[in-house]
Amino acid sequence: MSPRTNDSPRGSGGQDAPRPAEAPEASTAPSAAADAPRSPSPAERVDALRRFAAAVRRGRGLHGASCAVLLAVAMTAGAVAVGGDGRDAARAAPGVSRAVGADVLVRGDLDTAIRSLQAHVRAQPRDFGAWAALGLAQVERARTDGDPSRYARAERALARSLALRPGNDQALAGQAALAAARHDFAAALDHADRALERNPYSERALCSRIDALVELGRYEEAGRAATVADRRRPGVPVFTRYAYVRELRGDVPAARRVLHRALDSAAGPADVAYVATALGNLERGQGRYGTALRHYARALAADDAYLPALEGRARAQAADGDRAGAITTLEQVVARSPLPGPLVTLGELYEDRNAPGDRAKSREQYALVDAWTALARAGGVDVDLDTALAAADHGDTAEALRAARAEWNRRRTVHTADALAWALHRAGRSAEAQPYARRATATGYRDAAFLHHRGMIEKATGHDRAARASLTAALELNPGFSPLGARAARAALKELEAAR
């Protein structure tokens, strides 16, 4: 499903790989499997982020580029020191058949798939399909573990595939996925279109094309792309994207029906976890927390380590009043994958609880967001939307506005419109924010945070009646949409009612 934050949420990874007329001999070709260091463990990665964030707080004069280099070193030095040169991966698992498709691999155990593919390309370095599968598996792993350093490895593997077989659709589809992961959605669309010229039935390319159109704000085209994909390759990946397009147009009942259809057709634990989490997210957004928690439970029964389901469960727990349970769950999530969304939510939950030491804990989460965005930027990821969303409420409002404007200039979606509206408001420019807040809610997409932002902007500009309507709608739709935002919405409504 298309990302919703960052999602997205949102480099240079979309550029075409070199295409020599003749592939180099295997004995002289560089190996993306051989030169990649072992990825740090989740604990090592989070510890590195903490050390980097502390260094930035101590030395605020550090230049941004120096910070990025320092963070990249911190994130990889431990892996190099333990001798992870790829040889352990080559011994860890048997090779995989060339007939195994990339999509099959990435729906299973990604770590096992990556080890198997690394072993396979060492044994058969001219297997262009295996190189493409390895690149795509690295992209998918980076998305799940929050480690943008994997994108460079993915890029090398995909380039190797294209060097061996110029224009092969598997690698082009992998490049589309890589560009989307780096939030370069224009490049993602170009690569997906080129892959589909080679293979109109490529599921990965069809899905990446939908994702790119959604994230470029071209929703009608995305709807048509989803219809084409459903006709050519019906299945879980297409169903979930089709559902999200319907949700963006305000048709929640249709989105729900499609996701239930996808869940009925889910063939294995990975697909069950994926679709059940999507259903949980949909229901949580509609304020149906009990239903959402049941879907997350089903996802975790299929895969008890599935981080999106754990994060969704934590958000539903918080919205349903179980703050202690939400904090416990989110602490587990960020210990394994310190991404901006769960970090900000955990920080807000600490602020909301306000127990001794919680203010320091919340500040640490926001510092980790800054550290992660520096790492992601160093890895070629466009992080302006993440920056704008986090900094508007918990950082530098001027930086939030800069980032929101930059993202709006690249792509005009409901999410970038909301981010720009809120950044303008937080910078004291509420009158300028109004058109963007209206645009964020113009497609029919119902998001309580968007309605809250619109209501606060309307209140600041003296449109009290409209503000009451927007804030009431936000709280009726999803009364626990944010640990701090929902509380602010209720307080603003109380002020408006008192002023009547």
Protein backbone atom coordinates (compact mmCIF):
# COMPACT_ATOMS: atom_id res chain seq x y z
CA MET A 1 0.00 0.00 0.00
CA SER A 2 1.22 3.46 -0.74
CA PRO A 3 2.92 5.13 2.14
CA ARG A 4 0.87 7.66 4.10
CA THR A 5 3.49 9.50 6.02
CA ASN A 6 6.62 9.88 4.86
CA ASP A 7 4.32 7.51 3.64
CA SER A 8 6.01 9.65 2.05
CA PRO A 9 6.51 10.08 2.10
CA ARG A 10 8.76 10.41 1.34
CA GLY A 11 16.85 10.85 -4.24
CA SER A 12 18.91 9.99 -6.83
CA GLY A 13 17.99 6.34 -7.04
CA GLY A 14 15.72 6.76 -10.02
CA GLN A 15 18.51 7.35 -12.56
CA ASP A 16 19.06 4.67 -15.14
CA ALA A 17 21.96 2.31 -14.60
CA PRO A 18 24.75 2.31 -17.21
CA ARG A 19 24.05 -0.01 -20.09
CA PRO A 20 27.29 -1.22 -21.71
CA ALA A 21 26.92 -2.90 -25.06
CA GLU A 22 28.47 -6.05 -23.69
CA ALA A 23 28.34 -7.28 -20.10
CA PRO A 24 31.77 -7.53 -18.44
CA GLU A 25 33.20 -10.92 -17.66
CA ALA A 26 32.15 -12.35 -14.31
CA SER A 27 35.73 -12.53 -13.10
CA THR A 28 36.21 -8.75 -13.41
CA ALA A 29 32.73 -7.50 -12.53
CA PRO A 30 32.23 -5.77 -9.19
CA SER A 31 29.99 -7.68 -6.82
CA ALA A 32 27.23 -5.91 -4.92
CA ALA A 33 26.99 -9.00 -2.76
CA ALA A 34 30.69 -9.17 -2.00
CA ASP A 35 31.41 -5.54 -1.15
CA ALA A 36 28.44 -4.93 1.13
CA PRO A 37 29.22 -4.93 4.87
CA ARG A 38 26.96 -6.74 7.27
CA SER A 39 23.96 -4.60 8.18
CA PRO A 40 24.00 -3.49 11.81
CA SER A 41 21.47 -5.12 14.06
CA PRO A 42 18.42 -3.11 15.13
CA ALA A 43 20.00 -2.53 18.54
CA GLU A 44 23.27 -1.34 16.96
CA ARG A 45 21.38 0.97 14.61
CA VAL A 46 19.29 2.57 17.36
CA ASP A 47 22.36 2.96 19.56
CA ALA A 48 24.19 4.66 16.69
CA LEU A 49 21.25 7.00 16.15
CA ARG A 50 21.26 7.89 19.84
CA ARG A 51 24.99 8.60 19.86
CA PHE A 52 24.66 10.75 16.75
CA ALA A 53 21.68 12.67 18.15
CA ALA A 54 23.63 13.33 21.36
CA ALA A 55 26.61 14.57 19.36
CA VAL A 56 24.42 16.98 17.44
CA ARG A 57 22.88 18.32 20.67
CA ARG A 58 26.36 18.88 22.13
CA GLY A 59 27.79 20.49 19.01
CA ARG A 60 25.09 22.42 17.24
CA GLY A 61 27.70 24.12 15.08
CA LEU A 62 28.36 20.94 13.13
CA HIS A 63 27.85 21.40 9.41
CA GLY A 64 24.96 19.43 7.95
CA ALA A 65 27.15 17.48 5.55
CA SER A 66 29.56 16.60 8.33
CA CYS A 67 26.64 15.39 10.42
CA ALA A 68 25.47 13.12 7.64
CA VAL A 69 28.94 11.65 7.21
CA LEU A 70 29.33 11.17 10.96
CA LEU A 71 25.99 9.39 11.14
CA ALA A 72 26.75 7.15 8.17
CA VAL A 73 30.03 6.14 9.80
CA ALA A 74 28.28 5.49 13.10
CA MET A 75 25.72 3.30 11.39
CA THR A 76 28.24 1.13 9.52
CA ALA A 77 31.44 1.08 11.55
CA GLY A 78 30.28 -1.61 13.91
CA ALA A 79 29.35 -3.85 11.03
CA VAL A 80 32.73 -3.46 9.38
CA ALA A 81 34.58 -4.04 12.64
CA VAL A 82 33.10 -7.50 13.11
CA GLY A 83 34.35 -8.59 9.71
CA GLY A 84 31.05 -8.69 7.86
CA ASP A 85 32.28 -8.76 4.31
CA GLY A 86 29.52 -10.83 2.77
CA ARG A 87 31.28 -14.18 3.05
CA ASP A 88 29.17 -15.20 6.03
CA ALA A 89 26.06 -14.60 3.97
CA ALA A 90 27.40 -16.77 1.19
CA ARG A 91 27.79 -19.66 3.62
CA ALA A 92 24.52 -19.14 5.45
CA ALA A 93 22.01 -20.53 3.01
CA PRO A 94 21.85 -22.58 -0.18
CA GLY A 95 21.34 -20.90 -3.53
CA VAL A 96 17.89 -20.22 -4.90
CA SER A 97 16.52 -21.25 -8.23
CA ARG A 98 16.67 -18.68 -10.99
CA ALA A 99 13.03 -19.51 -11.62
CA VAL A 100 12.04 -18.02 -8.27
CA GLY A 101 10.55 -14.59 -8.98
CA ALA A 102 11.49 -11.46 -7.05
CA ASP A 103 7.92 -10.93 -5.83
CA VAL A 104 7.81 -14.44 -4.35
CA LEU A 105 11.08 -13.86 -2.53
CA VAL A 106 10.21 -10.53 -0.99
CA ARG A 107 6.90 -11.79 0.37
CA GLY A 108 8.67 -14.38 2.46
CA ASP A 109 11.51 -14.07 4.98
CA LEU A 110 13.52 -11.19 3.57
CA ASP A 111 16.69 -11.91 5.52
CA THR A 112 16.71 -15.51 4.32
CA ALA A 113 15.98 -14.39 0.78
CA ILE A 114 18.82 -11.88 0.81
CA ARG A 115 21.31 -14.43 2.16
CA SER A 116 20.21 -16.99 -0.40
CA LEU A 117 20.42 -14.52 -3.27
CA GLN A 118 23.86 -13.32 -2.18
CA ALA A 119 25.06 -16.91 -2.15
CA HIS A 120 23.47 -17.55 -5.53
CA VAL A 121 25.01 -14.56 -7.33
CA ARG A 122 28.43 -15.52 -5.94
CA ALA A 123 28.02 -18.95 -7.49
CA GLN A 124 26.37 -17.66 -10.70
CA PRO A 125 27.39 -14.00 -11.09
CA ARG A 126 25.89 -13.70 -14.59
CA ASP A 127 22.33 -14.47 -13.45
CA PHE A 128 20.70 -11.11 -14.18
CA GLY A 129 17.37 -12.20 -12.71
CA ALA A 130 18.95 -13.07 -9.36
CA TRP A 131 20.72 -9.69 -9.26
CA ALA A 132 17.39 -7.96 -9.89
CA ALA A 133 15.73 -10.02 -7.17
CA LEU A 134 18.55 -9.17 -4.75
CA GLY A 135 18.17 -5.47 -5.48
CA LEU A 136 14.44 -5.58 -4.91
CA ALA A 137 14.83 -7.60 -1.70
CA GLN A 138 17.25 -4.97 -0.36
CA VAL A 139 14.70 -2.23 -1.14
CA GLU A 140 11.97 -4.08 0.70
CA ARG A 141 14.23 -4.78 3.67
CA ALA A 142 15.18 -1.11 3.96
CA ARG A 143 11.51 -0.19 4.03
CA THR A 144 10.85 -2.56 6.91
CA ASP A 145 13.93 -2.04 9.07
CA GLY A 146 14.41 1.70 8.48
CA ASP A 147 17.99 1.32 7.23
CA PRO A 148 18.47 3.60 4.17
CA SER A 149 22.06 2.36 3.70
CA ARG A 150 20.54 -0.66 1.98
CA TYR A 151 19.42 1.49 -0.94
CA ALA A 152 22.98 1.87 -2.23
CA ARG A 153 23.34 -1.93 -2.21
CA ALA A 154 20.05 -2.26 -4.04
CA GLU A 155 21.22 0.26 -6.62
CA ARG A 156 24.42 -1.68 -7.28
CA ALA A 157 22.60 -5.00 -7.62
CA LEU A 158 20.07 -3.54 -10.05
CA ALA A 159 22.84 -1.88 -12.08
CA ARG A 160 24.60 -5.24 -12.30
CA SER A 161 21.42 -6.88 -13.55
CA LEU A 162 21.03 -4.24 -16.27
CA ALA A 163 24.68 -4.55 -17.24
CA LEU A 164 24.18 -8.27 -17.77
CA ARG A 165 20.84 -7.90 -19.59
CA PRO A 166 20.14 -4.30 -20.66
CA GLY A 167 16.50 -3.31 -20.38
CA ASN A 168 15.30 -6.39 -18.51
CA ASP A 169 11.93 -5.71 -16.94
CA GLN A 170 12.80 -7.23 -13.54
CA ALA A 171 15.58 -4.71 -12.95
CA LEU A 172 13.57 -1.81 -14.34
CA ALA A 173 10.73 -2.72 -11.98
CA GLY A 174 13.28 -2.90 -9.17
CA GLN A 175 14.52 0.56 -10.09
CA ALA A 176 10.95 1.81 -9.92
CA ALA A 177 10.59 0.37 -6.41
CA LEU A 178 13.95 1.86 -5.38
CA ALA A 179 13.05 5.31 -6.68
CA ALA A 180 9.71 5.17 -4.87
CA ALA A 181 11.43 4.13 -1.64
CA ARG A 182 13.69 7.16 -2.00
CA HIS A 183 10.59 9.26 -2.65
CA ASP A 184 11.65 10.14 -6.20
CA PHE A 185 8.22 9.39 -7.59
CA ALA A 186 8.70 10.96 -11.02
CA ALA A 187 11.62 8.60 -11.62
CA ALA A 188 9.60 5.71 -10.19
CA LEU A 189 6.85 6.36 -12.73
CA ASP A 190 9.36 6.51 -15.59
CA HIS A 191 11.01 3.22 -14.61
CA ALA A 192 7.65 1.51 -14.11
CA ASP A 193 6.47 2.63 -17.54
CA ARG A 194 9.65 1.33 -19.15
CA ALA A 195 9.31 -1.99 -17.35
CA LEU A 196 5.71 -2.31 -18.52
CA GLU A 197 6.77 -1.67 -22.11
CA ARG A 198 8.90 -4.81 -21.77
CA ASN A 199 6.39 -6.80 -19.73
CA PRO A 200 2.83 -5.42 -19.42
CA TYR A 201 2.05 -8.04 -16.75
CA SER A 202 4.88 -7.23 -14.34
CA GLU A 203 3.12 -7.09 -10.97
CA ARG A 204 5.91 -5.08 -9.37
CA ALA A 205 5.88 -2.48 -12.15
CA LEU A 206 2.08 -2.25 -12.14
CA CYS A 207 2.10 -1.65 -8.39
CA SER A 208 4.96 0.85 -8.52
CA ARG A 209 3.09 2.77 -11.21
CA ILE A 210 0.04 3.09 -8.95
CA ASP A 211 2.23 4.13 -6.01
CA ALA A 212 4.01 6.78 -8.07
CA LEU A 213 0.80 8.30 -9.42
CA VAL A 214 -0.72 8.41 -5.94
CA GLU A 215 2.36 10.07 -4.49
CA LEU A 216 2.43 12.60 -7.31
CA GLY A 217 -1.17 13.55 -6.51
CA ARG A 218 -2.50 12.25 -9.83
CA TYR A 219 -5.37 10.38 -8.23
CA GLU A 220 -7.63 9.91 -11.26
CA GLU A 221 -4.73 8.41 -13.22
CA ALA A 222 -3.89 6.24 -10.22
CA GLY A 223 -7.46 4.95 -10.22
CA ARG A 224 -7.21 4.02 -13.88
CA ALA A 225 -3.81 2.39 -13.28
CA ALA A 226 -5.31 0.35 -10.44
CA THR A 227 -8.13 -0.82 -12.71
CA VAL A 228 -5.62 -1.89 -15.37
CA ALA A 229 -3.50 -3.67 -12.77
CA ASP A 230 -6.55 -5.45 -11.36
CA ARG A 231 -7.42 -6.70 -14.83
CA ARG A 232 -3.90 -7.89 -15.62
CA ARG A 233 -2.61 -9.15 -12.26
CA PRO A 234 -5.38 -9.43 -9.65
CA GLY A 235 -3.98 -10.31 -6.25
CA VAL A 236 -3.05 -8.96 -2.84
CA PRO A 237 -0.53 -6.26 -3.93
CA VAL A 238 -2.95 -4.80 -6.46
CA PHE A 239 -6.02 -5.13 -4.22
CA THR A 240 -4.42 -3.16 -1.39
CA ARG A 241 -3.40 -0.35 -3.70
CA TYR A 242 -6.82 -0.26 -5.33
CA ALA A 243 -8.34 0.05 -1.85
CA TYR A 244 -6.08 2.96 -0.94
CA VAL A 245 -6.99 4.83 -4.11
CA ARG A 246 -10.67 4.40 -3.20
CA GLU A 247 -9.99 5.63 0.33
CA LEU A 248 -8.25 8.73 -1.01
CA ARG A 249 -11.40 9.50 -2.98
CA GLY A 250 -13.51 9.18 0.17
CA ASP A 251 -15.04 5.80 -0.65
CA VAL A 252 -14.22 3.97 2.58
CA PRO A 253 -16.90 1.25 2.13
CA ALA A 254 -15.38 0.26 -1.23
CA ALA A 255 -11.88 0.28 0.26
CA ARG A 256 -13.08 -1.97 3.08
CA ARG A 257 -14.72 -4.42 0.66
CA VAL A 258 -11.61 -4.66 -1.48
CA LEU A 259 -9.36 -5.26 1.52
CA HIS A 260 -11.63 -8.03 2.80
CA ARG A 261 -11.47 -9.57 -0.67
CA ALA A 262 -7.68 -9.32 -0.50
CA LEU A 263 -7.62 -10.95 2.92
CA ASP A 264 -9.79 -13.80 1.66
CA SER A 265 -7.30 -14.41 -1.15
CA ALA A 266 -4.16 -14.10 0.99
CA ALA A 267 -2.12 -17.24 0.39
CA GLY A 268 0.46 -17.17 3.18
CA PRO A 269 1.36 -15.59 6.52
CA ALA A 270 3.16 -12.63 4.95
CA ASP A 271 0.13 -11.68 2.85
CA VAL A 272 -2.24 -12.19 5.80
CA ALA A 273 -0.13 -9.91 7.98
CA TYR A 274 0.10 -7.28 5.25
CA VAL A 275 -3.61 -7.13 4.42
CA ALA A 276 -4.86 -7.47 7.98
CA THR A 277 -2.64 -4.53 8.93
CA ALA A 278 -4.05 -2.48 6.06
CA LEU A 279 -7.56 -3.25 7.32
CA GLY A 280 -6.52 -2.29 10.84
CA ASN A 281 -5.15 1.02 9.60
CA LEU A 282 -8.35 1.73 7.69
CA GLU A 283 -10.58 1.00 10.67
CA ARG A 284 -8.38 2.92 13.09
CA GLY A 285 -8.64 5.96 10.84
CA GLN A 286 -12.41 5.68 11.09
CA GLY A 287 -12.31 5.54 14.90
CA ARG A 288 -13.26 1.84 15.04
CA TYR A 289 -10.53 0.87 17.48
CA GLY A 290 -11.89 -2.49 18.62
CA THR A 291 -12.23 -3.66 15.03
CA ALA A 292 -8.77 -2.33 14.23
CA LEU A 293 -7.22 -4.16 17.17
CA ARG A 294 -8.80 -7.42 16.01
CA HIS A 295 -7.24 -6.97 12.57
CA TYR A 296 -3.84 -6.23 14.08
CA ALA A 297 -4.19 -9.33 16.25
CA ARG A 298 -4.83 -11.40 13.14
CA ALA A 299 -1.79 -9.86 11.45
CA LEU A 300 0.41 -10.64 14.43
CA ALA A 301 -0.96 -14.17 14.67
CA ALA A 302 0.34 -14.66 11.14
CA ASP A 303 3.66 -12.91 11.82
CA ASP A 304 4.35 -11.87 15.41
CA ALA A 305 7.32 -9.75 14.33
CA TYR A 306 5.50 -7.70 11.67
CA LEU A 307 6.42 -4.13 12.60
CA PRO A 308 3.61 -2.28 10.75
CA ALA A 309 1.07 -4.37 12.69
CA LEU A 310 2.83 -3.64 15.98
CA GLU A 311 2.90 0.06 15.20
CA GLY A 312 -0.75 0.04 14.19
CA ARG A 313 -1.70 -1.81 17.36
CA ALA A 314 0.16 0.77 19.47
CA ARG A 315 -1.64 3.64 17.76
CA ALA A 316 -5.00 1.94 18.25
CA GLN A 317 -4.17 1.25 21.90
CA ALA A 318 -3.33 4.91 22.45
CA ALA A 319 -6.49 6.07 20.69
CA ASP A 320 -8.58 3.65 22.74
CA GLY A 321 -7.18 4.95 26.03
CA ASP A 322 -4.56 2.27 26.73
CA ARG A 323 -1.60 4.64 26.92
CA ALA A 324 0.57 2.25 28.92
CA GLY A 325 0.05 -0.54 26.41
CA ALA A 326 0.73 1.83 23.53
CA ILE A 327 4.01 3.02 25.05
CA THR A 328 5.17 -0.54 25.70
CA THR A 329 4.38 -1.60 22.14
CA LEU A 330 5.93 1.47 20.52
CA GLU A 331 9.10 1.07 22.57
CA GLN A 332 9.39 -2.40 21.02
CA VAL A 333 8.84 -0.94 17.54
CA VAL A 334 11.40 1.87 17.73
CA ALA A 335 13.96 -0.46 19.30
CA ARG A 336 13.88 -2.41 16.03
CA SER A 337 12.99 0.25 13.47
CA PRO A 338 13.50 3.89 14.51
CA LEU A 339 11.36 5.55 11.85
CA PRO A 340 9.93 9.08 12.19
CA GLY A 341 6.25 8.12 12.54
CA PRO A 342 6.53 5.83 15.58
CA LEU A 343 9.27 7.99 17.12
CA VAL A 344 7.07 11.10 17.05
CA THR A 345 4.06 9.21 18.40
CA LEU A 346 6.13 7.72 21.22
CA GLY A 347 7.49 11.15 22.08
CA GLU A 348 3.97 12.56 22.21
CA LEU A 349 2.81 9.71 24.41
CA TYR A 350 5.63 10.49 26.85
CA GLU A 351 4.61 14.16 26.78
CA ASP A 352 0.98 13.23 27.37
CA ARG A 353 1.85 10.94 30.30
CA ASN A 354 4.22 13.55 31.79
CA ALA A 355 5.70 11.24 34.44
CA PRO A 356 9.13 12.01 35.94
CA GLY A 357 11.71 11.74 33.17
CA ASP A 358 9.13 11.75 30.38
CA ARG A 359 10.09 15.16 29.03
CA ALA A 360 13.66 14.00 28.53
CA LYS A 361 12.40 10.80 26.92
CA SER A 362 10.18 12.73 24.51
CA ARG A 363 13.06 15.02 23.54
CA GLU A 364 15.19 11.96 22.80
CA GLN A 365 12.57 10.61 20.40
CA TYR A 366 12.44 13.90 18.49
CA ALA A 367 16.25 14.01 18.36
CA LEU A 368 16.22 10.49 16.92
CA VAL A 369 13.87 11.71 14.18
CA ASP A 370 16.45 14.35 13.24
CA ALA A 371 19.18 11.71 13.28
CA TRP A 372 17.18 9.33 11.09
CA THR A 373 16.38 12.04 8.55
CA ALA A 374 20.09 12.92 8.32
CA LEU A 375 20.92 9.27 7.62
CA ALA A 376 18.12 8.94 5.09
CA ARG A 377 19.19 12.11 3.30
CA ALA A 378 22.75 10.79 3.14
CA GLY A 379 21.29 7.63 1.56
CA GLY A 380 19.61 9.60 -1.21
CA VAL A 381 16.11 9.69 0.29
CA ASP A 382 13.93 12.79 0.01
CA VAL A 383 12.88 13.38 3.63
CA ASP A 384 11.28 16.81 3.34
CA LEU A 385 7.78 15.56 4.14
CA ASP A 386 9.00 13.70 7.24
CA THR A 387 10.95 16.81 8.27
CA ALA A 388 8.00 19.12 7.77
CA LEU A 389 5.61 16.94 9.77
CA ALA A 390 7.98 16.45 12.70
CA ALA A 391 9.50 19.93 12.86
CA ALA A 392 6.19 21.79 12.68
CA ASP A 393 5.18 20.50 16.10
CA HIS A 394 8.46 19.44 17.69
CA GLY A 395 11.29 21.36 16.05
CA ASP A 396 12.20 24.44 14.06
CA THR A 397 9.08 25.92 12.45
CA ALA A 398 11.20 27.76 9.87
CA GLU A 399 12.79 24.45 8.84
CA ALA A 400 9.34 22.84 8.73
CA LEU A 401 8.14 25.53 6.33
CA ARG A 402 11.22 25.24 4.13
CA ALA A 403 10.80 21.48 3.89
CA ALA A 404 7.05 21.67 3.28
CA ARG A 405 7.48 24.18 0.46
CA ALA A 406 10.18 22.07 -1.15
CA GLU A 407 7.99 18.96 -1.02
CA TRP A 408 4.95 20.84 -2.35
CA ASN A 409 7.02 22.04 -5.31
CA ARG A 410 7.91 18.43 -6.12
CA ARG A 411 4.50 16.81 -5.71
CA ARG A 412 1.04 18.07 -4.90
CA THR A 413 -0.85 15.52 -2.86
CA VAL A 414 -3.33 15.76 -0.02
CA HIS A 415 -0.49 14.94 2.37
CA THR A 416 1.86 17.64 1.08
CA ALA A 417 -1.00 20.17 1.06
CA ASP A 418 -1.74 19.37 4.71
CA ALA A 419 1.94 19.55 5.66
CA LEU A 420 2.36 22.95 3.98
CA ALA A 421 -0.84 24.28 5.54
CA TRP A 422 0.25 23.24 9.02
CA ALA A 423 3.80 24.52 8.59
CA LEU A 424 2.48 27.91 7.47
CA HIS A 425 0.10 28.03 10.43
CA ARG A 426 2.82 27.10 12.91
CA ALA A 427 5.01 29.83 11.41
CA GLY A 428 2.27 32.38 12.12
CA ARG A 429 1.00 32.64 8.54
CA SER A 430 -2.46 31.17 8.95
CA ALA A 431 -4.13 33.23 6.22
CA GLU A 432 -1.69 31.79 3.67
CA ALA A 433 -2.35 28.30 5.07
CA GLN A 434 -6.10 28.28 4.42
CA PRO A 435 -6.09 27.36 0.69
CA TYR A 436 -3.75 24.45 1.34
CA ALA A 437 -5.83 23.16 4.24
CA ARG A 438 -8.92 23.22 2.01
CA ARG A 439 -7.03 21.42 -0.75
CA ALA A 440 -5.93 18.70 1.67
CA THR A 441 -9.59 17.83 2.34
CA ALA A 442 -10.92 18.43 -1.19
CA THR A 443 -10.73 14.90 -2.61
CA GLY A 444 -13.09 13.42 -0.03
CA TYR A 445 -10.25 11.76 1.90
CA ARG A 446 -11.24 11.74 5.56
CA ASP A 447 -8.31 12.10 7.93
CA ALA A 448 -8.83 13.44 11.45
CA ALA A 449 -5.40 15.09 11.57
CA PHE A 450 -6.17 17.00 8.35
CA LEU A 451 -9.50 18.15 9.79
CA HIS A 452 -7.81 19.18 13.04
CA HIS A 453 -5.23 21.23 11.16
CA ARG A 454 -7.91 22.86 9.04
CA GLY A 455 -9.98 23.67 12.12
CA MET A 456 -7.05 25.26 13.96
CA ILE A 457 -6.22 27.35 10.89
CA GLU A 458 -9.85 28.45 10.59
CA LYS A 459 -9.91 29.38 14.27
CA ALA A 460 -6.71 31.42 13.90
CA THR A 461 -8.19 33.36 10.96
CA GLY A 462 -11.48 34.15 12.72
CA HIS A 463 -13.67 31.64 10.89
CA ASP A 464 -15.16 30.32 14.11
CA ARG A 465 -18.16 28.54 12.65
CA ALA A 466 -16.04 26.67 10.11
CA ALA A 467 -13.49 25.90 12.82
CA ARG A 468 -16.14 24.35 15.05
CA ALA A 469 -17.35 22.20 12.16
CA SER A 470 -13.85 20.99 11.22
CA LEU A 471 -12.74 20.26 14.79
CA THR A 472 -16.00 18.49 15.60
CA ALA A 473 -15.65 16.40 12.45
CA ALA A 474 -12.09 15.43 13.40
CA LEU A 475 -13.11 14.25 16.86
CA GLU A 476 -16.23 12.47 15.66
CA LEU A 477 -14.29 10.64 12.96
CA ASN A 478 -11.33 9.55 15.10
CA PRO A 479 -11.42 10.93 18.67
CA GLY A 480 -7.98 9.54 19.52
CA PHE A 481 -6.21 10.43 16.29
CA SER A 482 -3.14 11.87 18.04
CA PRO A 483 -1.92 11.88 21.65
CA LEU A 484 -1.48 15.66 21.64
CA GLY A 485 -3.52 16.71 18.61
CA ALA A 486 -6.81 15.33 19.92
CA ARG A 487 -6.27 17.10 23.23
CA ALA A 488 -5.54 20.38 21.42
CA ALA A 489 -8.65 19.96 19.26
CA ARG A 490 -10.86 19.46 22.32
CA ALA A 491 -9.35 22.51 24.02
CA ALA A 492 -9.87 24.65 20.91
CA LEU A 493 -13.49 23.52 20.65
CA LYS A 494 -14.05 24.42 24.28
CA GLU A 495 -12.68 27.92 23.64
CA LEU A 496 -14.89 28.34 20.59
CA GLU A 497 -17.98 27.23 22.46
CA ALA A 498 -17.20 29.60 25.34
CA ALA A 499 -16.88 32.50 22.89
CA ARG A 500 -20.28 31.95 21.26
